[in-house]
Amino acid sequence: MDAFTTLTAVAAPMPMQNIDTDKIIPARFLKTIKRSGLGVHLFDPLRFDKDGNEKPDFILNQEPFRKAEVIIAHENFGCGSSREHAPWALLDFGIRCIIAPDFADIFYNNSFKNGILPIRLPRAVCDQLIDDTKLGGNARVTIDLARQVVIRPNGEEIGFEIDPFRKHLLLNGLDDIGQTLQHGTQIDGYEAERRQTQPWLPTTIA
């Protein structure tokens, strides 16, 4: 997955609580195991009417937020079912960071595994960041993961907490497979030794 180091981007305000995974990506779009192509269905019930036309009042259908890479929301973002398609859809749309007071646990964990940085900040701070988005095209927020700060358009820096191991994985672009491949030399050595000492064991799984 792509590393997350520093991101400066337009932030889209979504001052709503309990944005669940069925709003993020409705169940009828879960027929694929591919991670690409889901962005067009992101927030489908909020973005489109029953005829597939854009709802002009939804924030991601407005400029400059069509190209937002950050979402700022209220409590319990990502609640509902545990579908991993939710972070897949967000990432495919272009979202790399979500800022909210708190997140549903499974969604929070899935976000890290897919290269999305979920940041917990107090509700009052989220509301300040949402207010900043009124600057429109100038509503660009910077997230510096190494320094663990969110930088408002006015230059104010806001610190956030993150688990050190998860921070390491994001900074280095390591998902579960990437972590395993870091030990490729040791794995190859083990397999070579096993072939010598236990040649009767199969080398592949049927």
Protein backbone atom coordinates (compact mmCIF):
# COMPACT_ATOMS: atom_id res chain seq x y z
CA MET A 1 0.00 0.00 0.00
CA ASP A 2 1.08 3.62 -0.42
CA ALA A 3 2.99 5.16 2.47
CA PHE A 4 1.40 8.00 4.42
CA THR A 5 3.90 10.68 5.42
CA THR A 6 2.63 14.23 4.93
CA LEU A 7 -0.64 15.16 3.27
CA THR A 8 -1.85 18.64 2.33
CA ALA A 9 -5.33 18.50 0.87
CA VAL A 10 -8.86 19.87 0.73
CA ALA A 11 -10.93 18.71 3.71
CA ALA A 12 -14.62 17.95 3.31
CA PRO A 13 -16.90 18.71 6.28
CA MET A 14 -19.43 16.05 7.28
CA PRO A 15 -20.80 17.27 10.62
CA MET A 16 -22.84 14.13 11.24
CA GLN A 17 -22.76 11.43 13.90
CA ASN A 18 -23.00 7.69 13.27
CA ILE A 19 -21.99 7.68 9.60
CA ASP A 20 -22.31 3.92 9.16
CA THR A 21 -20.70 1.60 6.66
CA ASP A 22 -23.96 1.17 4.73
CA LYS A 23 -23.92 4.91 4.02
CA ILE A 24 -20.24 4.70 3.09
CA ILE A 25 -20.79 1.77 0.68
CA PRO A 26 -24.26 0.17 0.49
CA ALA A 27 -24.52 -3.63 0.67
CA ARG A 28 -25.66 -3.96 -2.95
CA PHE A 29 -22.18 -2.92 -4.10
CA LEU A 30 -20.36 -5.62 -2.11
CA LYS A 31 -20.37 -8.19 -4.91
CA THR A 32 -16.68 -7.71 -5.66
CA ILE A 33 -13.49 -8.59 -3.82
CA LYS A 34 -11.51 -6.03 -5.83
CA ARG A 35 -10.35 -2.92 -4.01
CA SER A 36 -10.66 -0.73 -7.09
CA GLY A 37 -13.79 0.68 -8.68
CA LEU A 38 -15.75 1.21 -5.47
CA GLY A 39 -15.12 4.97 -5.25
CA VAL A 40 -17.95 5.73 -7.67
CA HIS A 41 -20.37 4.24 -5.16
CA LEU A 42 -18.93 6.00 -2.09
CA PHE A 43 -21.76 7.53 -0.02
CA ASP A 44 -24.15 6.48 -2.79
CA PRO A 45 -27.40 7.15 -0.86
CA LEU A 46 -26.13 10.61 0.08
CA ARG A 47 -24.53 11.52 -3.27
CA PHE A 48 -27.21 10.31 -5.69
CA ASP A 49 -31.00 10.19 -5.99
CA LYS A 50 -32.93 7.06 -7.02
CA ASP A 51 -32.33 7.87 -10.69
CA GLY A 52 -28.56 8.14 -10.24
CA ASN A 53 -28.44 11.94 -10.45
CA GLU A 54 -26.16 13.88 -8.15
CA LYS A 55 -27.71 15.54 -5.12
CA PRO A 56 -26.30 19.07 -5.33
CA ASP A 57 -26.54 19.66 -1.58
CA PHE A 58 -24.16 16.81 -0.69
CA ILE A 59 -20.68 18.09 0.09
CA LEU A 60 -18.72 15.73 -2.21
CA ASN A 61 -20.82 16.93 -5.16
CA GLN A 62 -19.63 20.50 -4.62
CA GLU A 63 -16.42 22.27 -5.55
CA PRO A 64 -13.72 22.14 -4.27
CA PHE A 65 -14.74 19.14 -2.18
CA ARG A 66 -15.09 16.76 -5.15
CA LYS A 67 -11.33 16.27 -4.82
CA ALA A 68 -11.20 16.14 -1.04
CA GLU A 69 -8.65 13.76 0.47
CA VAL A 70 -9.68 14.42 4.07
CA ILE A 71 -13.07 14.06 5.77
CA ILE A 72 -13.92 15.77 9.05
CA ALA A 73 -16.90 14.25 10.84
CA HIS A 74 -18.54 13.80 14.22
CA GLU A 75 -18.75 10.83 16.57
CA ASN A 76 -18.85 7.12 15.76
CA PHE A 77 -17.66 7.27 12.14
CA GLY A 78 -17.72 3.85 10.45
CA CYS A 79 -20.25 2.18 12.71
CA GLY A 80 -22.50 -0.61 11.47
CA SER A 81 -21.33 -3.77 9.71
CA SER A 82 -17.65 -4.67 9.58
CA ARG A 83 -17.32 -4.58 5.77
CA GLU A 84 -13.77 -3.85 4.62
CA HIS A 85 -15.27 -2.46 1.43
CA ALA A 86 -15.88 0.78 3.38
CA PRO A 87 -12.21 1.81 3.59
CA TRP A 88 -11.69 0.39 0.08
CA ALA A 89 -14.37 2.75 -1.28
CA LEU A 90 -12.97 5.73 0.62
CA LEU A 91 -9.44 5.06 -0.61
CA ASP A 92 -10.56 4.48 -4.20
CA PHE A 93 -12.36 7.84 -4.13
CA GLY A 94 -9.14 9.48 -2.90
CA ILE A 95 -9.71 9.81 0.86
CA ARG A 96 -6.46 9.28 2.83
CA CYS A 97 -7.43 10.70 6.23
CA ILE A 98 -10.55 10.94 8.39
CA ILE A 99 -10.72 13.18 11.44
CA ALA A 100 -13.45 12.57 14.01
CA PRO A 101 -13.92 12.41 17.80
CA ASP A 102 -14.07 8.61 17.64
CA PHE A 103 -14.56 5.66 15.29
CA ALA A 104 -16.16 2.24 15.32
CA ASP A 105 -13.41 -0.20 16.34
CA ILE A 106 -13.47 -2.51 13.31
CA PHE A 107 -13.58 0.36 10.85
CA TYR A 108 -10.72 2.04 12.73
CA ASN A 109 -8.57 -1.09 12.44
CA ASN A 110 -9.49 -1.69 8.79
CA SER A 111 -8.53 1.88 7.90
CA PHE A 112 -4.94 1.41 9.03
CA LYS A 113 -4.69 -1.86 7.12
CA ASN A 114 -5.67 -0.06 3.92
CA GLY A 115 -3.48 3.03 4.21
CA ILE A 116 -6.09 5.44 5.59
CA LEU A 117 -5.16 7.48 8.67
CA PRO A 118 -8.03 7.87 11.17
CA ILE A 119 -7.32 10.70 13.62
CA ARG A 120 -9.21 11.12 16.89
CA LEU A 121 -9.62 14.72 18.00
CA PRO A 122 -12.08 16.28 20.48
CA ARG A 123 -15.48 17.34 19.12
CA ALA A 124 -14.69 21.03 19.69
CA VAL A 125 -11.51 20.75 17.63
CA CYS A 126 -13.33 18.89 14.85
CA ASP A 127 -15.87 21.71 14.79
CA GLN A 128 -13.04 24.24 14.43
CA LEU A 129 -11.69 22.27 11.46
CA ILE A 130 -15.17 22.05 9.98
CA ASP A 131 -15.50 25.81 10.34
CA ASP A 132 -12.18 26.18 8.48
CA THR A 133 -13.71 24.44 5.46
CA LYS A 134 -15.82 27.56 4.84
CA LEU A 135 -12.66 28.94 3.23
CA GLY A 136 -13.53 26.80 0.19
CA GLY A 137 -10.56 26.22 -2.08
CA ASN A 138 -8.28 27.64 0.61
CA ALA A 139 -9.56 25.10 3.14
CA ARG A 140 -6.46 22.96 2.89
CA VAL A 141 -5.36 21.07 5.95
CA THR A 142 -1.96 19.44 6.42
CA ILE A 143 -1.42 16.18 8.26
CA ASP A 144 2.18 15.47 9.27
CA LEU A 145 2.20 11.89 10.52
CA ALA A 146 5.86 11.84 11.57
CA ARG A 147 5.29 14.85 13.85
CA GLN A 148 1.72 13.78 14.71
CA VAL A 149 0.17 17.17 14.00
CA VAL A 150 -2.77 18.50 12.03
CA ILE A 151 -2.04 21.98 10.67
CA ARG A 152 -4.99 24.31 10.15
CA PRO A 153 -5.11 26.80 7.25
CA ASN A 154 -4.08 29.55 9.70
CA GLY A 155 -0.92 27.63 10.64
CA GLU A 156 -2.07 26.43 14.06
CA GLU A 157 -0.76 22.96 14.87
CA ILE A 158 -2.95 20.41 16.66
CA GLY A 159 -1.31 17.29 18.05
CA PHE A 160 -2.87 13.84 17.90
CA GLU A 161 -2.10 10.43 19.36
CA ILE A 162 -1.45 7.26 17.39
CA ASP A 163 -0.17 3.80 18.26
CA PRO A 164 3.58 3.74 17.48
CA PHE A 165 3.43 0.44 15.58
CA ARG A 166 0.53 1.59 13.40
CA LYS A 167 2.40 4.83 12.77
CA HIS A 168 5.44 2.84 11.63
CA LEU A 169 3.34 0.75 9.24
CA LEU A 170 1.70 3.79 7.64
CA LEU A 171 4.94 5.72 7.30
CA ASN A 172 6.49 2.74 5.53
CA GLY A 173 3.45 1.67 3.51
CA LEU A 174 3.28 -1.78 5.10
CA ASP A 175 0.08 -3.80 5.08
CA ASP A 176 -0.15 -7.37 6.45
CA ILE A 177 1.53 -8.82 3.35
CA GLY A 178 4.20 -6.14 3.40
CA GLN A 179 5.01 -6.96 7.01
CA THR A 180 5.43 -10.63 6.09
CA LEU A 181 7.66 -9.86 3.11
CA GLN A 182 10.03 -7.97 5.39
CA HIS A 183 11.01 -11.40 6.72
CA GLY A 184 11.44 -12.91 3.24
CA THR A 185 15.08 -13.91 3.82
CA GLN A 186 14.28 -15.76 7.03
CA ILE A 187 11.27 -17.46 5.41
CA ASP A 188 13.35 -18.59 2.43
CA GLY A 189 16.03 -19.90 4.80
CA TYR A 190 13.51 -21.85 6.84
CA GLU A 191 11.96 -23.42 3.74
CA ALA A 192 15.37 -24.38 2.35
CA GLU A 193 16.34 -26.01 5.66
CA ARG A 194 13.05 -27.87 5.86
CA ARG A 195 13.54 -29.30 2.36
CA GLN A 196 16.91 -30.67 3.53
CA THR A 197 15.84 -32.04 6.90
CA GLN A 198 12.27 -33.11 6.06
CA PRO A 199 12.23 -33.94 2.34
CA TRP A 200 9.13 -36.09 2.74
CA LEU A 201 6.96 -33.05 3.47
CA PRO A 202 5.15 -31.44 0.52
CA THR A 203 6.54 -28.13 -0.71
CA THR A 204 3.19 -26.86 -1.97
CA ILE A 205 -0.38 -27.05 -0.77
CA ALA A 206 -2.74 -28.84 -3.16
